[in-house]
Amino acid sequence: MMAFRLILLFLSFVMVCLTYSFGNAAENYSKNPCLGEANLVCLQDNFDKLYQENYPLFWEILHNAASKAQKCDSVKDTAAFLRLVKLIRGSHATGNAEFEEYFSQTVEQLCIQKSKCFLDGLLRFDKPTRVLLLDMLRNPLFEDGSKIDRVFREAKTNKKYREISDIYFLKR
């Protein structure tokens, strides 16, 4: 009977500990989003909170995504990174200059250095998202605009990319 009470007491203690632990985990996640899922989707969903409360994780996620985009092993990864333009110019704009500069520099370099990969990434978007990216590239912050213009002039000769090139030059 004494052993039964000890086991019951032990199980009660374990239940209290687990309840407390799960409560702390939920509270900890709400304070530190993306700890269990450090990816671009989580960054987009928790942009301001992550930037303010876990700056190193914010940049880790962003640098990993940019690296994947620049490797161009997967158009899907490149497009996922490019979709972040909506955090600068879309309805979800954050007003974060540090992020905007990093994103602009990465996109401008990608456009010039890995043009085919960049253009293939753009093909995955609807017209409004393409326009956001192309508007940004019309006034580059880091690269020479004539280099970007050259990419889109060359793209115009390829039927696959002609619509993208037309959008780029349309508002000039």
N, C-alpha and C. Protein backbone atom coordinates (compact mmCIF):
# COMPACT_ATOMS: atom_id res chain seq x y z
N MET A 1 0.82 -1.18 0.00
CA MET A 1 0.00 0.00 0.00
C MET A 1 0.88 1.26 0.00
N MET A 2 1.96 1.22 0.72
CA MET A 2 2.89 2.35 0.79
C MET A 2 3.53 2.58 -0.58
N ALA A 3 3.87 1.49 -1.26
CA ALA A 3 4.47 1.60 -2.59
C ALA A 3 3.48 2.23 -3.57
N PHE A 4 2.21 1.85 -3.47
CA PHE A 4 1.16 2.41 -4.32
C PHE A 4 1.05 3.91 -4.11
N ARG A 5 1.10 4.37 -2.86
CA ARG A 5 1.01 5.80 -2.56
C ARG A 5 2.23 6.55 -3.09
N LEU A 6 3.39 5.93 -3.00
CA LEU A 6 4.61 6.56 -3.52
C LEU A 6 4.53 6.69 -5.05
N ILE A 7 4.04 5.65 -5.69
CA ILE A 7 3.89 5.71 -7.15
C ILE A 7 2.88 6.78 -7.53
N LEU A 8 1.77 6.83 -6.81
CA LEU A 8 0.74 7.84 -7.06
C LEU A 8 1.29 9.25 -6.84
N LEU A 9 2.05 9.43 -5.80
CA LEU A 9 2.67 10.72 -5.51
C LEU A 9 3.67 11.09 -6.60
N PHE A 10 4.46 10.11 -7.03
CA PHE A 10 5.44 10.34 -8.10
C PHE A 10 4.74 10.73 -9.40
N LEU A 11 3.68 10.01 -9.77
CA LEU A 11 2.94 10.32 -10.99
C LEU A 11 2.30 11.70 -10.92
N SER A 12 1.80 12.07 -9.77
CA SER A 12 1.24 13.41 -9.59
C SER A 12 2.31 14.47 -9.80
N PHE A 13 3.48 14.22 -9.26
CA PHE A 13 4.60 15.14 -9.40
C PHE A 13 4.99 15.28 -10.88
N VAL A 14 5.05 14.16 -11.58
CA VAL A 14 5.41 14.17 -13.01
C VAL A 14 4.36 14.95 -13.80
N MET A 15 3.10 14.76 -13.50
CA MET A 15 2.02 15.47 -14.20
C MET A 15 2.13 16.98 -13.98
N VAL A 16 2.41 17.38 -12.76
CA VAL A 16 2.57 18.81 -12.46
C VAL A 16 3.75 19.36 -13.24
N CYS A 17 4.84 18.62 -13.26
CA CYS A 17 6.04 19.08 -13.99
C CYS A 17 5.76 19.20 -15.49
N LEU A 18 5.09 18.22 -16.06
CA LEU A 18 4.77 18.26 -17.49
C LEU A 18 3.84 19.43 -17.82
N THR A 19 2.84 19.63 -16.99
CA THR A 19 1.91 20.74 -17.21
C THR A 19 2.66 22.06 -17.18
N TYR A 20 3.52 22.23 -16.21
CA TYR A 20 4.32 23.45 -16.09
C TYR A 20 5.25 23.59 -17.30
N SER A 21 5.86 22.49 -17.70
CA SER A 21 6.79 22.50 -18.82
C SER A 21 6.09 22.89 -20.12
N PHE A 22 4.92 22.31 -20.39
CA PHE A 22 4.19 22.65 -21.61
C PHE A 22 3.72 24.09 -21.57
N GLY A 23 3.32 24.56 -20.42
CA GLY A 23 2.91 25.96 -20.27
C GLY A 23 4.06 26.89 -20.56
N ASN A 24 5.24 26.56 -20.03
CA ASN A 24 6.42 27.39 -20.28
C ASN A 24 6.83 27.34 -21.74
N ALA A 25 6.71 26.17 -22.37
CA ALA A 25 7.07 26.05 -23.78
C ALA A 25 6.18 26.95 -24.63
N ALA A 26 4.88 26.94 -24.35
CA ALA A 26 3.96 27.78 -25.11
C ALA A 26 4.26 29.25 -24.87
N GLU A 27 4.54 29.61 -23.63
CA GLU A 27 4.86 30.99 -23.31
C GLU A 27 6.19 31.38 -23.96
N ASN A 28 7.16 30.48 -23.92
CA ASN A 28 8.46 30.74 -24.50
C ASN A 28 8.34 30.94 -26.01
N TYR A 29 7.50 30.12 -26.68
CA TYR A 29 7.32 30.27 -28.11
C TYR A 29 6.67 31.61 -28.44
N SER A 30 5.71 32.00 -27.64
CA SER A 30 5.05 33.29 -27.92
C SER A 30 6.03 34.44 -27.75
N LYS A 31 7.02 34.27 -26.87
CA LYS A 31 8.04 35.31 -26.69
C LYS A 31 9.14 35.20 -27.73
N ASN A 32 9.41 33.99 -28.23
CA ASN A 32 10.48 33.75 -29.18
C ASN A 32 9.96 32.93 -30.36
N PRO A 33 9.23 33.55 -31.26
CA PRO A 33 8.70 32.79 -32.39
C PRO A 33 9.82 32.21 -33.25
N CYS A 34 9.54 31.18 -33.94
CA CYS A 34 10.41 30.53 -34.91
C CYS A 34 11.50 29.65 -34.28
N LEU A 35 11.50 29.47 -32.97
CA LEU A 35 12.52 28.63 -32.38
C LEU A 35 12.43 27.20 -32.88
N GLY A 36 11.24 26.69 -33.04
CA GLY A 36 11.07 25.31 -33.49
C GLY A 36 10.98 25.19 -35.00
N GLU A 37 10.81 26.29 -35.68
CA GLU A 37 10.62 26.27 -37.13
C GLU A 37 11.29 27.48 -37.77
N ALA A 38 12.58 27.49 -37.78
CA ALA A 38 13.34 28.62 -38.30
C ALA A 38 13.34 28.59 -39.83
N ASN A 39 12.27 29.15 -40.43
CA ASN A 39 12.16 29.18 -41.88
C ASN A 39 11.53 30.49 -42.33
N LEU A 40 11.51 30.68 -43.63
CA LEU A 40 11.00 31.94 -44.18
C LEU A 40 9.53 32.18 -43.88
N VAL A 41 8.74 31.14 -43.86
CA VAL A 41 7.31 31.31 -43.57
C VAL A 41 7.14 31.89 -42.17
N CYS A 42 7.87 31.33 -41.22
CA CYS A 42 7.78 31.83 -39.85
C CYS A 42 8.31 33.27 -39.77
N LEU A 43 9.38 33.55 -40.49
CA LEU A 43 9.91 34.92 -40.50
C LEU A 43 8.87 35.89 -41.05
N GLN A 44 8.21 35.52 -42.13
CA GLN A 44 7.19 36.40 -42.72
C GLN A 44 6.02 36.61 -41.75
N ASP A 45 5.60 35.53 -41.11
CA ASP A 45 4.44 35.61 -40.21
C ASP A 45 4.75 36.37 -38.92
N ASN A 46 6.02 36.43 -38.54
CA ASN A 46 6.41 37.03 -37.26
C ASN A 46 7.51 38.07 -37.45
N PHE A 47 7.50 38.77 -38.58
CA PHE A 47 8.61 39.63 -38.98
C PHE A 47 9.05 40.60 -37.87
N ASP A 48 8.15 41.47 -37.45
CA ASP A 48 8.51 42.50 -36.48
C ASP A 48 8.91 41.90 -35.13
N LYS A 49 8.13 40.95 -34.68
CA LYS A 49 8.39 40.32 -33.37
C LYS A 49 9.75 39.61 -33.38
N LEU A 50 10.01 38.87 -34.43
CA LEU A 50 11.29 38.15 -34.53
C LEU A 50 12.45 39.13 -34.63
N TYR A 51 12.30 40.16 -35.43
CA TYR A 51 13.36 41.16 -35.58
C TYR A 51 13.68 41.83 -34.24
N GLN A 52 12.65 42.15 -33.47
CA GLN A 52 12.84 42.85 -32.21
C GLN A 52 13.29 41.93 -31.08
N GLU A 53 12.79 40.70 -31.06
CA GLU A 53 13.01 39.84 -29.90
C GLU A 53 14.06 38.75 -30.10
N ASN A 54 14.38 38.44 -31.35
CA ASN A 54 15.42 37.44 -31.58
C ASN A 54 16.16 37.82 -32.86
N TYR A 55 16.86 38.92 -32.78
CA TYR A 55 17.60 39.50 -33.90
C TYR A 55 18.55 38.49 -34.55
N PRO A 56 19.34 37.74 -33.76
CA PRO A 56 20.25 36.76 -34.39
C PRO A 56 19.50 35.69 -35.20
N LEU A 57 18.39 35.19 -34.69
CA LEU A 57 17.62 34.19 -35.43
C LEU A 57 17.00 34.80 -36.68
N PHE A 58 16.53 36.02 -36.59
CA PHE A 58 15.98 36.73 -37.74
C PHE A 58 16.99 36.71 -38.88
N TRP A 59 18.22 37.14 -38.59
CA TRP A 59 19.25 37.22 -39.63
C TRP A 59 19.74 35.85 -40.06
N GLU A 60 19.74 34.90 -39.16
CA GLU A 60 20.13 33.54 -39.53
C GLU A 60 19.16 32.98 -40.59
N ILE A 61 17.87 33.14 -40.33
CA ILE A 61 16.86 32.67 -41.29
C ILE A 61 17.02 33.40 -42.62
N LEU A 62 17.19 34.70 -42.56
CA LEU A 62 17.31 35.51 -43.78
C LEU A 62 18.56 35.15 -44.57
N HIS A 63 19.69 35.02 -43.89
CA HIS A 63 20.94 34.67 -44.59
C HIS A 63 20.86 33.27 -45.20
N ASN A 64 20.26 32.33 -44.50
CA ASN A 64 20.10 30.98 -45.05
C ASN A 64 19.23 31.00 -46.31
N ALA A 65 18.15 31.76 -46.26
CA ALA A 65 17.26 31.86 -47.42
C ALA A 65 17.96 32.54 -48.60
N ALA A 66 18.72 33.59 -48.32
CA ALA A 66 19.45 34.29 -49.38
C ALA A 66 20.50 33.38 -50.00
N SER A 67 21.18 32.62 -49.17
CA SER A 67 22.20 31.69 -49.66
C SER A 67 21.58 30.64 -50.58
N LYS A 68 20.45 30.10 -50.18
CA LYS A 68 19.76 29.12 -51.03
C LYS A 68 19.33 29.77 -52.34
N ALA A 69 18.83 30.98 -52.27
CA ALA A 69 18.39 31.68 -53.48
C ALA A 69 19.57 31.91 -54.43
N GLN A 70 20.70 32.30 -53.88
CA GLN A 70 21.87 32.60 -54.70
C GLN A 70 22.54 31.36 -55.27
N LYS A 71 22.39 30.24 -54.60
CA LYS A 71 22.94 28.98 -55.14
C LYS A 71 22.18 28.55 -56.38
N CYS A 72 20.90 28.88 -56.42
CA CYS A 72 20.04 28.55 -57.56
C CYS A 72 19.94 27.05 -57.82
N ASP A 73 20.04 26.26 -56.78
CA ASP A 73 19.83 24.82 -56.93
C ASP A 73 18.35 24.51 -57.14
N SER A 74 17.52 25.39 -56.63
CA SER A 74 16.07 25.19 -56.71
C SER A 74 15.39 26.53 -56.99
N VAL A 75 14.64 26.58 -58.07
CA VAL A 75 13.90 27.80 -58.39
C VAL A 75 12.90 28.10 -57.27
N LYS A 76 12.41 27.06 -56.65
CA LYS A 76 11.46 27.22 -55.54
C LYS A 76 12.11 28.02 -54.40
N ASP A 77 13.36 27.72 -54.07
CA ASP A 77 14.06 28.45 -53.00
C ASP A 77 14.30 29.90 -53.41
N THR A 78 14.65 30.10 -54.68
CA THR A 78 14.88 31.46 -55.16
C THR A 78 13.58 32.26 -55.10
N ALA A 79 12.50 31.66 -55.56
CA ALA A 79 11.21 32.34 -55.53
C ALA A 79 10.76 32.63 -54.10
N ALA A 80 11.02 31.71 -53.19
CA ALA A 80 10.64 31.92 -51.78
C ALA A 80 11.33 33.16 -51.24
N PHE A 81 12.60 33.33 -51.56
CA PHE A 81 13.32 34.51 -51.10
C PHE A 81 12.77 35.77 -51.78
N LEU A 82 12.58 35.71 -53.08
CA LEU A 82 12.08 36.88 -53.81
C LEU A 82 10.71 37.33 -53.32
N ARG A 83 9.91 36.39 -52.85
CA ARG A 83 8.57 36.71 -52.35
C ARG A 83 8.63 37.69 -51.16
N LEU A 84 9.76 37.78 -50.53
CA LEU A 84 9.91 38.72 -49.40
C LEU A 84 9.74 40.17 -49.82
N VAL A 85 9.72 40.43 -51.12
CA VAL A 85 9.49 41.80 -51.60
C VAL A 85 8.21 42.37 -51.02
N LYS A 86 7.26 41.50 -50.73
CA LYS A 86 5.99 41.96 -50.17
C LYS A 86 6.16 42.59 -48.79
N LEU A 87 7.26 42.27 -48.12
CA LEU A 87 7.54 42.88 -46.82
C LEU A 87 8.13 44.28 -46.97
N ILE A 88 8.48 44.63 -48.18
CA ILE A 88 9.05 45.96 -48.44
C ILE A 88 8.03 46.85 -49.16
N ARG A 89 7.42 46.29 -50.17
CA ARG A 89 6.58 47.11 -51.05
C ARG A 89 5.14 46.68 -51.12
N GLY A 90 4.80 45.58 -50.54
CA GLY A 90 3.43 45.09 -50.64
C GLY A 90 2.57 45.56 -49.49
N SER A 91 1.45 44.93 -49.36
CA SER A 91 0.51 45.30 -48.30
C SER A 91 1.03 44.95 -46.92
N HIS A 92 2.07 44.12 -46.86
CA HIS A 92 2.65 43.73 -45.57
C HIS A 92 3.95 44.50 -45.28
N ALA A 93 4.15 45.62 -45.91
CA ALA A 93 5.40 46.38 -45.78
C ALA A 93 5.71 46.68 -44.32
N THR A 94 6.98 46.52 -43.97
CA THR A 94 7.40 46.64 -42.58
C THR A 94 8.06 47.98 -42.26
N GLY A 95 8.62 48.63 -43.27
CA GLY A 95 9.34 49.87 -43.01
C GLY A 95 10.69 49.64 -42.35
N ASN A 96 11.28 48.48 -42.55
CA ASN A 96 12.55 48.13 -41.94
C ASN A 96 13.67 48.39 -42.94
N ALA A 97 14.39 49.49 -42.78
CA ALA A 97 15.41 49.91 -43.73
C ALA A 97 16.58 48.91 -43.80
N GLU A 98 16.96 48.35 -42.67
CA GLU A 98 18.08 47.40 -42.65
C GLU A 98 17.73 46.17 -43.50
N PHE A 99 16.55 45.65 -43.31
CA PHE A 99 16.09 44.51 -44.10
C PHE A 99 16.00 44.90 -45.58
N GLU A 100 15.43 46.07 -45.85
CA GLU A 100 15.26 46.50 -47.24
C GLU A 100 16.59 46.60 -47.96
N GLU A 101 17.60 47.14 -47.31
CA GLU A 101 18.91 47.25 -47.94
C GLU A 101 19.51 45.87 -48.23
N TYR A 102 19.43 44.98 -47.26
CA TYR A 102 19.96 43.63 -47.45
C TYR A 102 19.22 42.93 -48.59
N PHE A 103 17.91 43.01 -48.57
CA PHE A 103 17.11 42.36 -49.60
C PHE A 103 17.42 42.96 -50.97
N SER A 104 17.47 44.27 -51.07
CA SER A 104 17.75 44.93 -52.35
C SER A 104 19.11 44.52 -52.90
N GLN A 105 20.11 44.53 -52.06
CA GLN A 105 21.44 44.16 -52.51
C GLN A 105 21.47 42.71 -53.02
N THR A 106 20.84 41.83 -52.30
CA THR A 106 20.82 40.42 -52.68
C THR A 106 20.07 40.23 -53.99
N VAL A 107 18.93 40.87 -54.14
CA VAL A 107 18.12 40.73 -55.36
C VAL A 107 18.85 41.35 -56.56
N GLU A 108 19.45 42.50 -56.38
CA GLU A 108 20.18 43.14 -57.47
C GLU A 108 21.33 42.25 -57.95
N GLN A 109 22.07 41.68 -57.01
CA GLN A 109 23.17 40.79 -57.38
C GLN A 109 22.65 39.53 -58.07
N LEU A 110 21.58 38.99 -57.54
CA LEU A 110 20.98 37.79 -58.14
C LEU A 110 20.53 38.08 -59.57
N CYS A 111 19.91 39.21 -59.78
CA CYS A 111 19.44 39.60 -61.10
C CYS A 111 20.60 39.66 -62.10
N ILE A 112 21.71 40.22 -61.69
CA ILE A 112 22.85 40.41 -62.59
C ILE A 112 23.70 39.14 -62.71
N GLN A 113 23.97 38.50 -61.60
CA GLN A 113 24.90 37.37 -61.60
C GLN A 113 24.26 36.03 -61.96
N LYS A 114 23.00 35.86 -61.65
CA LYS A 114 22.30 34.60 -61.92
C LYS A 114 20.96 34.92 -62.59
N SER A 115 21.05 35.58 -63.73
CA SER A 115 19.87 36.12 -64.40
C SER A 115 18.81 35.07 -64.71
N LYS A 116 19.22 33.94 -65.26
CA LYS A 116 18.24 32.91 -65.62
C LYS A 116 17.50 32.42 -64.37
N CYS A 117 18.22 32.17 -63.33
CA CYS A 117 17.62 31.72 -62.08
C CYS A 117 16.66 32.78 -61.55
N PHE A 118 17.08 34.02 -61.58
CA PHE A 118 16.24 35.12 -61.12
C PHE A 118 14.96 35.21 -61.94
N LEU A 119 15.09 35.16 -63.25
CA LEU A 119 13.93 35.27 -64.13
C LEU A 119 13.00 34.06 -63.96
N ASP A 120 13.57 32.88 -63.80
CA ASP A 120 12.74 31.70 -63.56
C ASP A 120 11.98 31.84 -62.24
N GLY A 121 12.61 32.44 -61.25
CA GLY A 121 11.92 32.71 -59.98
C GLY A 121 10.76 33.66 -60.18
N LEU A 122 10.97 34.69 -60.99
CA LEU A 122 9.90 35.66 -61.28
C LEU A 122 8.71 35.01 -62.00
N LEU A 123 8.99 34.01 -62.81
CA LEU A 123 7.91 33.33 -63.53
C LEU A 123 6.92 32.65 -62.59
N ARG A 124 7.31 32.40 -61.38
CA ARG A 124 6.44 31.72 -60.41
C ARG A 124 5.43 32.67 -59.75
N PHE A 125 5.52 33.95 -60.04
CA PHE A 125 4.67 34.93 -59.38
C PHE A 125 3.56 35.44 -60.28
N ASP A 126 2.54 35.96 -59.61
CA ASP A 126 1.49 36.65 -60.34
C ASP A 126 2.03 38.03 -60.75
N LYS A 127 1.30 38.69 -61.62
CA LYS A 127 1.76 39.97 -62.15
C LYS A 127 2.00 41.03 -61.05
N PRO A 128 1.09 41.18 -60.07
CA PRO A 128 1.36 42.20 -59.04
C PRO A 128 2.67 41.98 -58.27
N THR A 129 3.01 40.74 -58.00
CA THR A 129 4.26 40.47 -57.28
C THR A 129 5.45 40.75 -58.18
N ARG A 130 5.34 40.39 -59.45
CA ARG A 130 6.41 40.70 -60.40
C ARG A 130 6.63 42.22 -60.46
N VAL A 131 5.54 42.95 -60.52
CA VAL A 131 5.63 44.41 -60.61
C VAL A 131 6.36 44.98 -59.38
N LEU A 132 6.07 44.45 -58.21
CA LEU A 132 6.77 44.92 -56.99
C LEU A 132 8.27 44.76 -57.13
N LEU A 133 8.71 43.58 -57.58
CA LEU A 133 10.15 43.33 -57.73
C LEU A 133 10.76 44.18 -58.83
N LEU A 134 10.07 44.27 -59.93
CA LEU A 134 10.61 45.03 -61.06
C LEU A 134 10.66 46.52 -60.76
N ASP A 135 9.67 47.03 -60.04
CA ASP A 135 9.71 48.44 -59.61
C ASP A 135 10.93 48.70 -58.74
N MET A 136 11.22 47.77 -57.87
CA MET A 136 12.38 47.91 -56.99
C MET A 136 13.68 47.94 -57.81
N LEU A 137 13.74 47.11 -58.84
CA LEU A 137 14.96 47.03 -59.65
C LEU A 137 15.14 48.22 -60.57
N ARG A 138 14.09 48.95 -60.84
CA ARG A 138 14.22 50.14 -61.69
C ARG A 138 15.05 51.23 -61.02
N ASN A 139 15.10 51.21 -59.70
CA ASN A 139 15.88 52.19 -58.94
C ASN A 139 16.79 51.44 -57.97
N PRO A 140 17.82 50.80 -58.50
CA PRO A 140 18.69 49.97 -57.65
C PRO A 140 19.46 50.81 -56.62
N LEU A 141 19.68 50.20 -55.47
CA LEU A 141 20.44 50.87 -54.41
C LEU A 141 21.94 50.59 -54.49
N PHE A 142 22.32 49.45 -55.05
CA PHE A 142 23.72 49.03 -54.98
C PHE A 142 24.37 48.80 -56.33
N GLU A 143 23.64 48.30 -57.29
CA GLU A 143 24.21 47.95 -58.58
C GLU A 143 23.94 49.05 -59.61
N ASP A 144 24.74 49.05 -60.64
CA ASP A 144 24.57 49.99 -61.74
C ASP A 144 23.29 49.62 -62.50
N GLY A 145 22.40 50.59 -62.65
CA GLY A 145 21.13 50.35 -63.32
C GLY A 145 21.28 49.85 -64.75
N SER A 146 22.37 50.25 -65.43
CA SER A 146 22.55 49.80 -66.82
C SER A 146 22.80 48.29 -66.89
N LYS A 147 23.39 47.72 -65.84
CA LYS A 147 23.60 46.25 -65.81
C LYS A 147 22.26 45.53 -65.67
N ILE A 148 21.39 46.09 -64.88
CA ILE A 148 20.06 45.50 -64.70
C ILE A 148 19.25 45.66 -65.99
N ASP A 149 19.33 46.83 -66.61
CA ASP A 149 18.66 47.06 -67.88
C ASP A 149 19.10 46.02 -68.92
N ARG A 150 20.40 45.74 -68.94
CA ARG A 150 20.94 44.77 -69.90
C ARG A 150 20.33 43.38 -69.70
N VAL A 151 20.13 43.00 -68.45
CA VAL A 151 19.51 41.70 -68.16
C VAL A 151 18.13 41.63 -68.80
N PHE A 152 17.36 42.69 -68.65
CA PHE A 152 15.99 42.67 -69.17
C PHE A 152 15.93 42.88 -70.68
N ARG A 153 16.92 43.56 -71.26
CA ARG A 153 16.99 43.65 -72.72
C ARG A 153 17.27 42.27 -73.31
N GLU A 154 18.20 41.54 -72.69
CA GLU A 154 18.51 40.19 -73.16
C GLU A 154 17.32 39.25 -72.92
N ALA A 155 16.61 39.45 -71.83
CA ALA A 155 15.45 38.60 -71.53
C ALA A 155 14.36 38.78 -72.57
N LYS A 156 14.29 39.96 -73.14
CA LYS A 156 13.25 40.27 -74.13
C LYS A 156 13.41 39.38 -75.37
N THR A 157 14.61 38.91 -75.64
CA THR A 157 14.85 38.06 -76.81
C THR A 157 14.38 36.62 -76.58
N ASN A 158 14.06 36.27 -75.35
CA ASN A 158 13.60 34.92 -75.01
C ASN A 158 12.09 34.98 -74.76
N LYS A 159 11.34 34.24 -75.55
CA LYS A 159 9.88 34.27 -75.45
C LYS A 159 9.41 33.97 -74.02
N LYS A 160 10.11 33.10 -73.34
CA LYS A 160 9.75 32.69 -71.98
C LYS A 160 9.74 33.88 -71.01
N TYR A 161 10.66 34.83 -71.21
CA TYR A 161 10.82 35.95 -70.29
C TYR A 161 10.32 37.28 -70.85
N ARG A 162 9.78 37.29 -72.04
CA ARG A 162 9.41 38.54 -72.71
C ARG A 162 8.41 39.36 -71.89
N GLU A 163 7.42 38.71 -71.31
CA GLU A 163 6.41 39.44 -70.54
C GLU A 163 7.05 40.15 -69.33
N ILE A 164 7.98 39.48 -68.69
CA ILE A 164 8.68 40.09 -67.54
C ILE A 164 9.47 41.31 -68.01
N SER A 165 10.17 41.16 -69.11
CA SER A 165 10.95 42.27 -69.65
C SER A 165 10.04 43.43 -70.04
N ASP A 166 8.90 43.12 -70.64
CA ASP A 166 7.96 44.17 -71.02
C ASP A 166 7.47 44.95 -69.79
N ILE A 167 7.20 44.24 -68.73
CA ILE A 167 6.75 44.91 -67.48
C ILE A 167 7.87 45.83 -66.96
N TYR A 168 9.10 45.34 -67.01
CA TYR A 168 10.24 46.13 -66.52
C TYR A 168 10.37 47.45 -67.30
N PHE A 169 10.27 47.37 -68.61
CA PHE A 169 10.47 48.56 -69.44
C PHE A 169 9.20 49.40 -69.62
N LEU A 170 8.05 48.86 -69.28
CA LEU A 170 6.79 49.54 -69.50
C LEU A 170 6.68 50.88 -68.78
N LYS A 171 7.10 50.97 -67.56
CA LYS A 171 6.89 52.18 -66.77
C LYS A 171 8.06 53.15 -66.85
N ARG A 172 8.89 52.99 -67.82
CA ARG A 172 10.05 53.89 -67.96
C ARG A 172 9.68 55.14 -68.69
